[in-house]
């Protein structure tokens, strides 16, 4: 079985996070999602320091689907350069890992 990862992306709004999450699950690029409470992010952007409210989205998937999932996020996201971070799950209980594998498509599909 392939490796399980969490894919983290901050979104401009809860609505944007919900749209991305629903499409990712619908197309079996992610088994599930979590939309977190809003945060305030500080970052450099085009020569300025920005401080903005963002909504974190966590998607659980196979490592082999990271590229496909990243493309979907980039197409749907309002940011010019969304931060999409794949975080390997070092330890996953067997039943949950099997569920993720069953609920996502293989990279070849």
PDB file of N, CA and C in Angstrom:
ATOM      1  N   UNK A   1       0.835  -1.182   0.000  1.00  0.00           N
ATOM      2  CA  UNK A   1       0.000   0.000   0.000  1.00  0.00           C
ATOM      3  C   UNK A   1       0.878   1.243   0.000  1.00  0.00           C
ATOM      4  N   UNK A   2       0.354   2.313  -0.582  1.00  0.00           N
ATOM      5  CA  UNK A   2       1.143   3.539  -0.643  1.00  0.00           C
ATOM      6  C   UNK A   2       1.069   4.299   0.677  1.00  0.00           C
ATOM      7  N   UNK A   3       1.923   5.260   0.817  1.00  0.00           N
ATOM      8  CA  UNK A   3       2.028   6.068   2.012  1.00  0.00           C
ATOM      9  C   UNK A   3       0.843   7.027   2.145  1.00  0.00           C
ATOM     10  N   UNK A   4       0.416   7.268   3.374  1.00  0.00           N
ATOM     11  CA  UNK A   4      -0.654   8.230   3.668  1.00  0.00           C
ATOM     12  C   UNK A   4      -0.013   9.577   3.980  1.00  0.00           C
ATOM     13  N   UNK A   5      -0.609  10.638   3.452  1.00  0.00           N
ATOM     14  CA  UNK A   5      -0.149  11.989   3.766  1.00  0.00           C
ATOM     15  C   UNK A   5      -1.340  12.868   4.122  1.00  0.00           C
ATOM     16  N   UNK A   6      -1.042  13.938   4.831  1.00  0.00           N
ATOM     17  CA  UNK A   6      -1.989  15.013   5.045  1.00  0.00           C
ATOM     18  C   UNK A   6      -1.557  16.160   4.143  1.00  0.00           C
ATOM     19  N   UNK A   7      -2.492  16.783   3.461  1.00  0.00           N
ATOM     20  CA  UNK A   7      -2.177  17.921   2.602  1.00  0.00           C
ATOM     21  C   UNK A   7      -2.803  19.153   3.232  1.00  0.00           C
ATOM     22  N   UNK A   8      -1.952  20.096   3.576  1.00  0.00           N
ATOM     23  CA  UNK A   8      -2.355  21.318   4.274  1.00  0.00           C
ATOM     24  C   UNK A   8      -2.354  22.471   3.288  1.00  0.00           C
ATOM     25  N   UNK A   9      -3.429  23.232   3.270  1.00  0.00           N
ATOM     26  CA  UNK A   9      -3.499  24.447   2.448  1.00  0.00           C
ATOM     27  C   UNK A   9      -4.364  25.468   3.181  1.00  0.00           C
ATOM     28  N   UNK A  10      -3.876  26.690   3.284  1.00  0.00           N
ATOM     29  CA  UNK A  10      -4.669  27.765   3.874  1.00  0.00           C
ATOM     30  C   UNK A  10      -5.516  28.398   2.778  1.00  0.00           C
ATOM     31  N   UNK A  11      -6.775  28.642   3.091  1.00  0.00           N
ATOM     32  CA  UNK A  11      -7.723  29.188   2.120  1.00  0.00           C
ATOM     33  C   UNK A  11      -8.169  30.587   2.546  1.00  0.00           C
ATOM     34  N   UNK A  12      -8.675  31.341   1.595  1.00  0.00           N
ATOM     35  CA  UNK A  12      -9.104  32.711   1.859  1.00  0.00           C
ATOM     36  C   UNK A  12     -10.385  32.778   2.682  1.00  0.00           C
ATOM     37  N   UNK A  13     -11.191  31.719   2.641  1.00  0.00           N
ATOM     38  CA  UNK A  13     -12.468  31.725   3.365  1.00  0.00           C
ATOM     39  C   UNK A  13     -12.910  30.291   3.637  1.00  0.00           C
ATOM     40  N   UNK A  14     -13.877  30.158   4.523  1.00  0.00           N
ATOM     41  CA  UNK A  14     -14.445  28.840   4.793  1.00  0.00           C
ATOM     42  C   UNK A  14     -15.152  28.304   3.542  1.00  0.00           C
ATOM     43  N   UNK A  15     -15.781  29.195   2.788  1.00  0.00           N
ATOM     44  CA  UNK A  15     -16.467  28.775   1.561  1.00  0.00           C
ATOM     45  C   UNK A  15     -15.472  28.185   0.558  1.00  0.00           C
ATOM     46  N   UNK A  16     -14.325  28.837   0.403  1.00  0.00           N
ATOM     47  CA  UNK A  16     -13.310  28.319  -0.516  1.00  0.00           C
ATOM     48  C   UNK A  16     -12.791  26.969  -0.035  1.00  0.00           C
ATOM     49  N   UNK A  17     -12.512  26.845   1.249  1.00  0.00           N
ATOM     50  CA  UNK A  17     -12.043  25.574   1.808  1.00  0.00           C
ATOM     51  C   UNK A  17     -13.074  24.472   1.581  1.00  0.00           C
ATOM     52  N   UNK A  18     -14.349  24.791   1.774  1.00  0.00           N
ATOM     53  CA  UNK A  18     -15.418  23.813   1.585  1.00  0.00           C
ATOM     54  C   UNK A  18     -15.506  23.364   0.131  1.00  0.00           C
ATOM     55  N   UNK A  19     -15.432  24.308  -0.797  1.00  0.00           N
ATOM     56  CA  UNK A  19     -15.489  23.953  -2.233  1.00  0.00           C
ATOM     57  C   UNK A  19     -14.333  23.033  -2.619  1.00  0.00           C
ATOM     58  N   UNK A  20     -13.134  23.365  -2.186  1.00  0.00           N
ATOM     59  CA  UNK A  20     -11.957  22.550  -2.519  1.00  0.00           C
ATOM     60  C   UNK A  20     -12.091  21.168  -1.883  1.00  0.00           C
ATOM     61  N   UNK A  21     -12.485  21.126  -0.609  1.00  0.00           N
ATOM     62  CA  UNK A  21     -12.634  19.847   0.093  1.00  0.00           C
ATOM     63  C   UNK A  21     -13.658  18.952  -0.594  1.00  0.00           C
ATOM     64  N   UNK A  22     -14.801  19.512  -0.945  1.00  0.00           N
ATOM     65  CA  UNK A  22     -15.854  18.713  -1.579  1.00  0.00           C
ATOM     66  C   UNK A  22     -15.405  18.160  -2.928  1.00  0.00           C
ATOM     67  N   UNK A  23     -14.720  18.957  -3.725  1.00  0.00           N
ATOM     68  CA  UNK A  23     -14.240  18.479  -5.030  1.00  0.00           C
ATOM     69  C   UNK A  23     -13.170  17.409  -4.871  1.00  0.00           C
ATOM     70  N   UNK A  24     -12.275  17.596  -3.918  1.00  0.00           N
ATOM     71  CA  UNK A  24     -11.210  16.620  -3.692  1.00  0.00           C
ATOM     72  C   UNK A  24     -11.788  15.270  -3.275  1.00  0.00           C
ATOM     73  N   UNK A  25     -12.777  15.290  -2.377  1.00  0.00           N
ATOM     74  CA  UNK A  25     -13.400  14.043  -1.937  1.00  0.00           C
ATOM     75  C   UNK A  25     -14.260  13.452  -3.052  1.00  0.00           C
ATOM     76  N   UNK A  26     -15.021  14.286  -3.739  1.00  0.00           N
ATOM     77  CA  UNK A  26     -15.875  13.831  -4.848  1.00  0.00           C
ATOM     78  C   UNK A  26     -15.075  13.091  -5.918  1.00  0.00           C
ATOM     79  N   UNK A  27     -13.896  13.626  -6.243  1.00  0.00           N
ATOM     80  CA  UNK A  27     -13.059  13.018  -7.280  1.00  0.00           C
ATOM     81  C   UNK A  27     -12.094  11.977  -6.733  1.00  0.00           C
ATOM     82  N   UNK A  28     -12.270  11.622  -5.466  1.00  0.00           N
ATOM     83  CA  UNK A  28     -11.469  10.597  -4.791  1.00  0.00           C
ATOM     84  C   UNK A  28      -9.970  10.905  -4.768  1.00  0.00           C
ATOM     85  N   UNK A  29      -9.666  12.214  -4.744  1.00  0.00           N
ATOM     86  CA  UNK A  29      -8.283  12.644  -4.577  1.00  0.00           C
ATOM     87  C   UNK A  29      -7.936  12.761  -3.093  1.00  0.00           C
ATOM     88  N   UNK A  30      -8.952  12.773  -2.246  1.00  0.00           N
ATOM     89  CA  UNK A  30      -8.785  12.758  -0.791  1.00  0.00           C
ATOM     90  C   UNK A  30      -9.896  11.907  -0.202  1.00  0.00           C
ATOM     91  N   UNK A  31      -9.576  11.214   0.879  1.00  0.00           N
ATOM     92  CA  UNK A  31     -10.579  10.394   1.551  1.00  0.00           C
ATOM     93  C   UNK A  31     -11.452  11.240   2.462  1.00  0.00           C
ATOM     94  N   UNK A  32     -10.855  12.265   3.059  1.00  0.00           N
ATOM     95  CA  UNK A  32     -11.607  13.122   3.971  1.00  0.00           C
ATOM     96  C   UNK A  32     -10.890  14.460   4.111  1.00  0.00           C
ATOM     97  N   UNK A  33     -11.591  15.374   4.775  1.00  0.00           N
ATOM     98  CA  UNK A  33     -11.023  16.709   4.973  1.00  0.00           C
ATOM     99  C   UNK A  33     -11.404  17.233   6.346  1.00  0.00           C
ATOM    100  N   UNK A  34     -10.624  18.183   6.814  1.00  0.00           N
ATOM    101  CA  UNK A  34     -10.936  18.925   8.031  1.00  0.00           C
ATOM    102  C   UNK A  34     -10.745  20.405   7.721  1.00  0.00           C
ATOM    103  N   UNK A  35     -11.755  21.182   8.016  1.00  0.00           N
ATOM    104  CA  UNK A  35     -11.665  22.633   7.879  1.00  0.00           C
ATOM    105  C   UNK A  35     -11.524  23.179   9.297  1.00  0.00           C
ATOM    106  N   UNK A  36     -10.430  23.881   9.526  1.00  0.00           N
ATOM    107  CA  UNK A  36     -10.101  24.358  10.863  1.00  0.00           C
ATOM    108  C   UNK A  36     -10.602  25.777  11.091  1.00  0.00           C
ATOM    109  N   UNK A  37     -10.546  26.195  12.334  1.00  0.00           N
ATOM    110  CA  UNK A  37     -10.940  27.553  12.705  1.00  0.00           C
ATOM    111  C   UNK A  37     -10.002  28.562  12.039  1.00  0.00           C
ATOM    112  N   UNK A  38     -10.510  29.739  11.746  1.00  0.00           N
ATOM    113  CA  UNK A  38      -9.664  30.763  11.116  1.00  0.00           C
ATOM    114  C   UNK A  38      -8.433  31.092  11.950  1.00  0.00           C
ATOM    115  N   UNK A  39      -7.369  31.437  11.239  1.00  0.00           N
ATOM    116  CA  UNK A  39      -6.103  31.841  11.839  1.00  0.00           C
ATOM    117  C   UNK A  39      -5.692  33.172  11.215  1.00  0.00           C
ATOM    118  N   UNK A  40      -4.700  33.813  11.787  1.00  0.00           N
ATOM    119  CA  UNK A  40      -4.109  35.000  11.179  1.00  0.00           C
ATOM    120  C   UNK A  40      -2.709  34.615  10.739  1.00  0.00           C
ATOM    121  N   UNK A  41      -2.415  34.808   9.462  1.00  0.00           N
ATOM    122  CA  UNK A  41      -1.119  34.466   8.894  1.00  0.00           C
ATOM    123  C   UNK A  41      -0.354  35.732   8.545  1.00  0.00           C
ATOM    124  N   UNK A  42       0.945  35.718   8.792  1.00  0.00           N
ATOM    125  CA  UNK A  42       1.838  36.812   8.418  1.00  0.00           C
ATOM    126  C   UNK A  42       2.850  36.264   7.432  1.00  0.00           C
ATOM    127  N   UNK A  43       3.089  37.002   6.346  1.00  0.00           N
ATOM    128  CA  UNK A  43       3.999  36.525   5.308  1.00  0.00           C
ATOM    129  C   UNK A  43       4.428  37.685   4.418  1.00  0.00           C
ATOM    130  N   UNK A  44       5.567  37.492   3.736  1.00  0.00           N
ATOM    131  CA  UNK A  44       6.015  38.461   2.738  1.00  0.00           C
ATOM    132  C   UNK A  44       5.290  38.171   1.430  1.00  0.00           C
ATOM    133  N   UNK A  45       4.781  39.204   0.798  1.00  0.00           N
ATOM    134  CA  UNK A  45       4.146  39.041  -0.515  1.00  0.00           C
ATOM    135  C   UNK A  45       4.364  40.317  -1.314  1.00  0.00           C
ATOM    136  N   UNK A  46       5.077  40.172  -2.426  1.00  0.00           N
ATOM    137  CA  UNK A  46       5.336  41.277  -3.345  1.00  0.00           C
ATOM    138  C   UNK A  46       5.903  42.510  -2.637  1.00  0.00           C
ATOM    139  N   UNK A  47       6.919  42.254  -1.801  1.00  0.00           N
ATOM    140  CA  UNK A  47       7.644  43.325  -1.151  1.00  0.00           C
ATOM    141  C   UNK A  47       7.024  43.897   0.114  1.00  0.00           C
ATOM    142  N   UNK A  48       5.942  43.298   0.572  1.00  0.00           N
ATOM    143  CA  UNK A  48       5.267  43.796   1.774  1.00  0.00           C
ATOM    144  C   UNK A  48       5.033  42.652   2.753  1.00  0.00           C
ATOM    145  N   UNK A  49       4.907  42.991   4.006  1.00  0.00           N
ATOM    146  CA  UNK A  49       4.496  42.018   5.008  1.00  0.00           C
ATOM    147  C   UNK A  49       2.979  42.095   5.114  1.00  0.00           C
ATOM    148  N   UNK A  50       2.342  40.966   4.891  1.00  0.00           N
ATOM    149  CA  UNK A  50       0.878  40.878   4.934  1.00  0.00           C
ATOM    150  C   UNK A  50       0.448  40.159   6.211  1.00  0.00           C
ATOM    151  N   UNK A  51      -0.687  40.537   6.735  1.00  0.00           N
ATOM    152  CA  UNK A  51      -1.334  39.863   7.868  1.00  0.00           C
ATOM    153  C   UNK A  51      -2.787  39.661   7.465  1.00  0.00           C
ATOM    154  N   UNK A  52      -3.161  38.413   7.239  1.00  0.00           N
ATOM    155  CA  UNK A  52      -4.513  38.129   6.765  1.00  0.00           C
ATOM    156  C   UNK A  52      -5.130  36.948   7.492  1.00  0.00           C
ATOM    157  N   UNK A  53      -6.443  36.965   7.549  1.00  0.00           N
ATOM    158  CA  UNK A  53      -7.228  35.854   8.106  1.00  0.00           C
ATOM    159  C   UNK A  53      -7.286  34.765   7.041  1.00  0.00           C
ATOM    160  N   UNK A  54      -7.003  33.516   7.450  1.00  0.00           N
ATOM    161  CA  UNK A  54      -7.079  32.375   6.536  1.00  0.00           C
ATOM    162  C   UNK A  54      -7.761  31.219   7.242  1.00  0.00           C
ATOM    163  N   UNK A  55      -8.257  30.277   6.443  1.00  0.00           N
ATOM    164  CA  UNK A  55      -8.925  29.092   6.962  1.00  0.00           C
ATOM    165  C   UNK A  55      -8.113  27.869   6.539  1.00  0.00           C
ATOM    166  N   UNK A  56      -7.490  27.174   7.497  1.00  0.00           N
ATOM    167  CA  UNK A  56      -6.699  25.989   7.168  1.00  0.00           C
ATOM    168  C   UNK A  56      -7.584  24.816   6.752  1.00  0.00           C
ATOM    169  N   UNK A  57      -7.132  24.123   5.718  1.00  0.00           N
ATOM    170  CA  UNK A  57      -7.801  22.930   5.211  1.00  0.00           C
ATOM    171  C   UNK A  57      -6.795  21.793   5.233  1.00  0.00           C
ATOM    172  N   UNK A  58      -7.180  20.659   5.816  1.00  0.00           N
ATOM    173  CA  UNK A  58      -6.350  19.463   5.846  1.00  0.00           C
ATOM    174  C   UNK A  58      -7.074  18.363   5.089  1.00  0.00           C
ATOM    175  N   UNK A  59      -6.403  17.791   4.096  1.00  0.00           N
ATOM    176  CA  UNK A  59      -6.957  16.704   3.289  1.00  0.00           C
ATOM    177  C   UNK A  59      -6.124  15.446   3.525  1.00  0.00           C
ATOM    178  N   UNK A  60      -6.770  14.300   3.751  1.00  0.00           N
ATOM    179  CA  UNK A  60      -6.058  13.042   3.957  1.00  0.00           C
ATOM    180  C   UNK A  60      -6.118  12.219   2.680  1.00  0.00           C
ATOM    181  N   UNK A  61      -4.946  11.764   2.213  1.00  0.00           N
ATOM    182  CA  UNK A  61      -4.871  11.097   0.922  1.00  0.00           C
ATOM    183  C   UNK A  61      -3.656  10.185   0.828  1.00  0.00           C
ATOM    184  N   UNK A  62      -3.447   9.651  -0.362  1.00  0.00           N
ATOM    185  CA  UNK A  62      -2.249   8.851  -0.680  1.00  0.00           C
ATOM    186  C   UNK A  62      -1.143   9.794  -1.156  1.00  0.00           C
ATOM    187  N   UNK A  63       0.078   9.471  -0.839  1.00  0.00           N
ATOM    188  CA  UNK A  63       1.213  10.279  -1.310  1.00  0.00           C
ATOM    189  C   UNK A  63       1.246  10.321  -2.838  1.00  0.00           C
ATOM    190  N   UNK A  64       0.862   9.232  -3.476  1.00  0.00           N
ATOM    191  CA  UNK A  64       0.908   9.165  -4.939  1.00  0.00           C
ATOM    192  C   UNK A  64      -0.096  10.108  -5.619  1.00  0.00           C
ATOM    193  N   UNK A  65      -1.056  10.630  -4.871  1.00  0.00           N
ATOM    194  CA  UNK A  65      -2.053  11.546  -5.437  1.00  0.00           C
ATOM    195  C   UNK A  65      -1.715  13.017  -5.198  1.00  0.00           C
ATOM    196  N   UNK A  66      -0.573  13.297  -4.568  1.00  0.00           N
ATOM    197  CA  UNK A  66      -0.232  14.679  -4.239  1.00  0.00           C
ATOM    198  C   UNK A  66      -0.238  15.587  -5.474  1.00  0.00           C
ATOM    199  N   UNK A  67       0.345  15.164  -6.566  1.00  0.00           N
ATOM    200  CA  UNK A  67       0.389  15.990  -7.770  1.00  0.00           C
ATOM    201  C   UNK A  67      -0.991  16.286  -8.320  1.00  0.00           C
ATOM    202  N   UNK A  68      -1.848  15.275  -8.397  1.00  0.00           N
ATOM    203  CA  UNK A  68      -3.219  15.464  -8.897  1.00  0.00           C
ATOM    204  C   UNK A  68      -4.008  16.398  -7.970  1.00  0.00           C
ATOM    205  N   UNK A  69      -3.874  16.168  -6.667  1.00  0.00           N
ATOM    206  CA  UNK A  69      -4.590  16.987  -5.701  1.00  0.00           C
ATOM    207  C   UNK A  69      -4.076  18.428  -5.736  1.00  0.00           C
ATOM    208  N   UNK A  70      -2.781  18.610  -5.862  1.00  0.00           N
ATOM    209  CA  UNK A  70      -2.203  19.962  -5.952  1.00  0.00           C
ATOM    210  C   UNK A  70      -2.758  20.716  -7.150  1.00  0.00           C
ATOM    211  N   UNK A  71      -2.865  20.044  -8.290  1.00  0.00           N
ATOM    212  CA  UNK A  71      -3.408  20.707  -9.487  1.00  0.00           C
ATOM    213  C   UNK A  71      -4.855  21.134  -9.273  1.00  0.00           C
ATOM    214  N   UNK A  72      -5.653  20.273  -8.662  1.00  0.00           N
ATOM    215  CA  UNK A  72      -7.048  20.626  -8.371  1.00  0.00           C
ATOM    216  C   UNK A  72      -7.100  21.859  -7.464  1.00  0.00           C
ATOM    217  N   UNK A  73      -6.295  21.863  -6.413  1.00  0.00           N
ATOM    218  CA  UNK A  73      -6.282  22.995  -5.486  1.00  0.00           C
ATOM    219  C   UNK A  73      -5.873  24.264  -6.219  1.00  0.00           C
ATOM    220  N   UNK A  74      -4.812  24.197  -7.021  1.00  0.00           N
ATOM    221  CA  UNK A  74      -4.339  25.375  -7.754  1.00  0.00           C
ATOM    222  C   UNK A  74      -5.407  25.929  -8.693  1.00  0.00           C
ATOM    223  N   UNK A  75      -6.180  25.043  -9.331  1.00  0.00           N
ATOM    224  CA  UNK A  75      -7.245  25.477 -10.243  1.00  0.00           C
ATOM    225  C   UNK A  75      -8.386  26.162  -9.502  1.00  0.00           C
ATOM    226  N   UNK A  76      -8.678  25.712  -8.284  1.00  0.00           N
ATOM    227  CA  UNK A  76      -9.831  26.209  -7.548  1.00  0.00           C
ATOM    228  C   UNK A  76      -9.509  27.338  -6.576  1.00  0.00           C
ATOM    229  N   UNK A  77      -8.257  27.488  -6.211  1.00  0.00           N
ATOM    230  CA  UNK A  77      -7.850  28.425  -5.159  1.00  0.00           C
ATOM    231  C   UNK A  77      -7.808  29.851  -5.682  1.00  0.00           C
ATOM    232  N   UNK A  78      -8.154  30.794  -4.822  1.00  0.00           N
ATOM    233  CA  UNK A  78      -8.160  32.202  -5.217  1.00  0.00           C
ATOM    234  C   UNK A  78      -6.777  32.848  -5.168  1.00  0.00           C
ATOM    235  N   UNK A  79      -5.826  32.228  -4.497  1.00  0.00           N
ATOM    236  CA  UNK A  79      -4.488  32.813  -4.385  1.00  0.00           C
ATOM    237  C   UNK A  79      -3.684  32.565  -5.648  1.00  0.00           C
ATOM    238  N   UNK A  80      -2.855  33.509  -5.981  1.00  0.00           N
ATOM    239  CA  UNK A  80      -1.926  33.357  -7.108  1.00  0.00           C
ATOM    240  C   UNK A  80      -0.944  32.214  -6.842  1.00  0.00           C
ATOM    241  N   UNK A  81      -0.497  32.104  -5.601  1.00  0.00           N
ATOM    242  CA  UNK A  81       0.454  31.066  -5.217  1.00  0.00           C
ATOM    243  C   UNK A  81       0.006  30.425  -3.900  1.00  0.00           C
ATOM    244  N   UNK A  82      -0.942  29.486  -3.948  1.00  0.00           N
ATOM    245  CA  UNK A  82      -1.353  28.854  -2.692  1.00  0.00           C
ATOM    246  C   UNK A  82      -0.235  27.959  -2.155  1.00  0.00           C
ATOM    247  N   UNK A  83      -0.083  27.951  -0.851  1.00  0.00           N
ATOM    248  CA  UNK A  83       0.873  27.043  -0.217  1.00  0.00           C
ATOM    249  C   UNK A  83       0.220  25.688  -0.034  1.00  0.00           C
ATOM    250  N   UNK A  84       0.737  24.674  -0.698  1.00  0.00           N
ATOM    251  CA  UNK A  84       0.184  23.319  -0.622  1.00  0.00           C
ATOM    252  C   UNK A  84       1.291  22.434  -0.083  1.00  0.00           C
ATOM    253  N   UNK A  85       1.098  21.905   1.115  1.00  0.00           N
ATOM    254  CA  UNK A  85       2.161  21.173   1.800  1.00  0.00           C
ATOM    255  C   UNK A  85       1.696  19.750   2.088  1.00  0.00           C
ATOM    256  N   UNK A  86       2.434  18.768   1.572  1.00  0.00           N
ATOM    257  CA  UNK A  86       2.161  17.361   1.850  1.00  0.00           C
ATOM    258  C   UNK A  86       2.984  16.913   3.044  1.00  0.00           C
ATOM    259  N   UNK A  87       2.310  16.413   4.064  1.00  0.00           N
ATOM    260  CA  UNK A  87       2.973  16.013   5.304  1.00  0.00           C
ATOM    261  C   UNK A  87       2.832  14.500   5.467  1.00  0.00           C
ATOM    262  N   UNK A  88       3.942  13.758   5.371  1.00  0.00           N
ATOM    263  CA  UNK A  88       3.859  12.303   5.532  1.00  0.00           C
ATOM    264  C   UNK A  88       3.332  11.929   6.920  1.00  0.00           C
ATOM    265  N   UNK A  89       2.431  10.978   6.948  1.00  0.00           N
ATOM    266  CA  UNK A  89       1.915  10.466   8.218  1.00  0.00           C
ATOM    267  C   UNK A  89       2.860   9.351   8.665  1.00  0.00           C
ATOM    268  N   UNK A  90       3.647   9.626   9.685  1.00  0.00           N
ATOM    269  CA  UNK A  90       4.634   8.651  10.151  1.00  0.00           C
ATOM    270  C   UNK A  90       4.004   7.384  10.682  1.00  0.00           C
ATOM    271  N   UNK A  91       2.861   7.519  11.293  1.00  0.00           N
ATOM    272  CA  UNK A  91       2.174   6.363  11.879  1.00  0.00           C
ATOM    273  C   UNK A  91       0.684   6.521  11.641  1.00  0.00           C
ATOM    274  N   UNK A  92       0.075   5.483  11.090  1.00  0.00           N
ATOM    275  CA  UNK A  92      -1.367   5.471  10.829  1.00  0.00           C
ATOM    276  C   UNK A  92      -1.885   4.104  11.229  1.00  0.00           C
ATOM    277  N   UNK A  93      -2.964   4.069  11.999  1.00  0.00           N
ATOM    278  CA  UNK A  93      -3.502   2.761  12.365  1.00  0.00           C
ATOM    279  C   UNK A  93      -3.992   2.037  11.110  1.00  0.00           C
ATOM    280  N   UNK A  94      -3.868   0.723  11.125  1.00  0.00           N
ATOM    281  CA  UNK A  94      -4.104  -0.108   9.938  1.00  0.00           C
ATOM    282  C   UNK A  94      -5.503   0.076   9.360  1.00  0.00           C
ATOM    283  N   UNK A  95      -6.513   0.116  10.190  1.00  0.00           N
ATOM    284  CA  UNK A  95      -7.889   0.229   9.691  1.00  0.00           C
ATOM    285  C   UNK A  95      -8.112   1.575   8.996  1.00  0.00           C
ATOM    286  N   UNK A  96      -7.572   2.657   9.562  1.00  0.00           N
ATOM    287  CA  UNK A  96      -7.739   3.976   8.947  1.00  0.00           C
ATOM    288  C   UNK A  96      -6.970   4.055   7.630  1.00  0.00           C
ATOM    289  N   UNK A  97      -5.767   3.514   7.604  1.00  0.00           N
ATOM    290  CA  UNK A  97      -4.976   3.502   6.369  1.00  0.00           C
ATOM    291  C   UNK A  97      -5.718   2.734   5.282  1.00  0.00           C
ATOM    292  N   UNK A  98      -6.266   1.595   5.627  1.00  0.00           N
ATOM    293  CA  UNK A  98      -7.023   0.797   4.652  1.00  0.00           C
ATOM    294  C   UNK A  98      -8.231   1.591   4.145  1.00  0.00           C
ATOM    295  N   UNK A  99      -8.916   2.297   5.030  1.00  0.00           N
ATOM    296  CA  UNK A  99     -10.066   3.111   4.636  1.00  0.00           C
ATOM    297  C   UNK A  99      -9.633   4.199   3.657  1.00  0.00           C
ATOM    298  N   UNK A 100      -8.538   4.897   3.937  1.00  0.00           N
ATOM    299  CA  UNK A 100      -8.044   5.931   3.026  1.00  0.00           C
ATOM    300  C   UNK A 100      -7.736   5.331   1.659  1.00  0.00           C
ATOM    301  N   UNK A 101      -7.086   4.182   1.639  1.00  0.00           N
ATOM    302  CA  UNK A 101      -6.748   3.535   0.365  1.00  0.00           C
ATOM    303  C   UNK A 101      -8.015   3.141  -0.402  1.00  0.00           C
ATOM    304  N   UNK A 102      -9.035   2.690   0.307  1.00  0.00           N
ATOM    305  CA  UNK A 102     -10.283   2.296  -0.348  1.00  0.00           C
ATOM    306  C   UNK A 102     -11.091   3.494  -0.848  1.00  0.00           C
ATOM    307  N   UNK A 103     -10.944   4.645  -0.203  1.00  0.00           N
ATOM    308  CA  UNK A 103     -11.749   5.819  -0.550  1.00  0.00           C
ATOM    309  C   UNK A 103     -11.071   6.750  -1.541  1.00  0.00           C
ATOM    310  N   UNK A 104      -9.825   6.472  -1.879  1.00  0.00           N
ATOM    311  CA  UNK A 104      -9.121   7.285  -2.874  1.00  0.00           C
ATOM    312  C   UNK A 104      -8.758   6.410  -4.059  1.00  0.00           C
ATOM    313  N   UNK A 105      -8.597   7.068  -5.194  1.00  0.00           N
ATOM    314  CA  UNK A 105      -8.226   6.312  -6.390  1.00  0.00           C
ATOM    315  C   UNK A 105      -6.713   6.155  -6.415  1.00  0.00           C
ATOM    316  N   UNK A 106      -6.258   5.144  -7.124  1.00  0.00           N
ATOM    317  CA  UNK A 106      -4.809   4.995  -7.286  1.00  0.00           C
ATOM    318  C   UNK A 106      -4.352   6.043  -8.293  1.00  0.00           C
ATOM    319  N   UNK A 107      -3.080   6.361  -8.278  1.00  0.00           N
ATOM    320  CA  UNK A 107      -2.544   7.379  -9.196  1.00  0.00           C
ATOM    321  C   UNK A 107      -2.750   6.991 -10.650  1.00  0.00           C
ATOM    322  N   UNK A 108      -2.868   5.699 -10.932  1.00  0.00           N
ATOM    323  CA  UNK A 108      -3.048   5.217 -12.306  1.00  0.00           C
ATOM    324  C   UNK A 108      -4.482   5.344 -12.794  1.00  0.00           C
ATOM    325  N   UNK A 109      -5.444   5.505 -11.873  1.00  0.00           N
ATOM    326  CA  UNK A 109      -6.869   5.603 -12.275  1.00  0.00           C
ATOM    327  C   UNK A 109      -7.171   6.869 -13.033  1.00  0.00           C
TER     328      UNK A 109
END
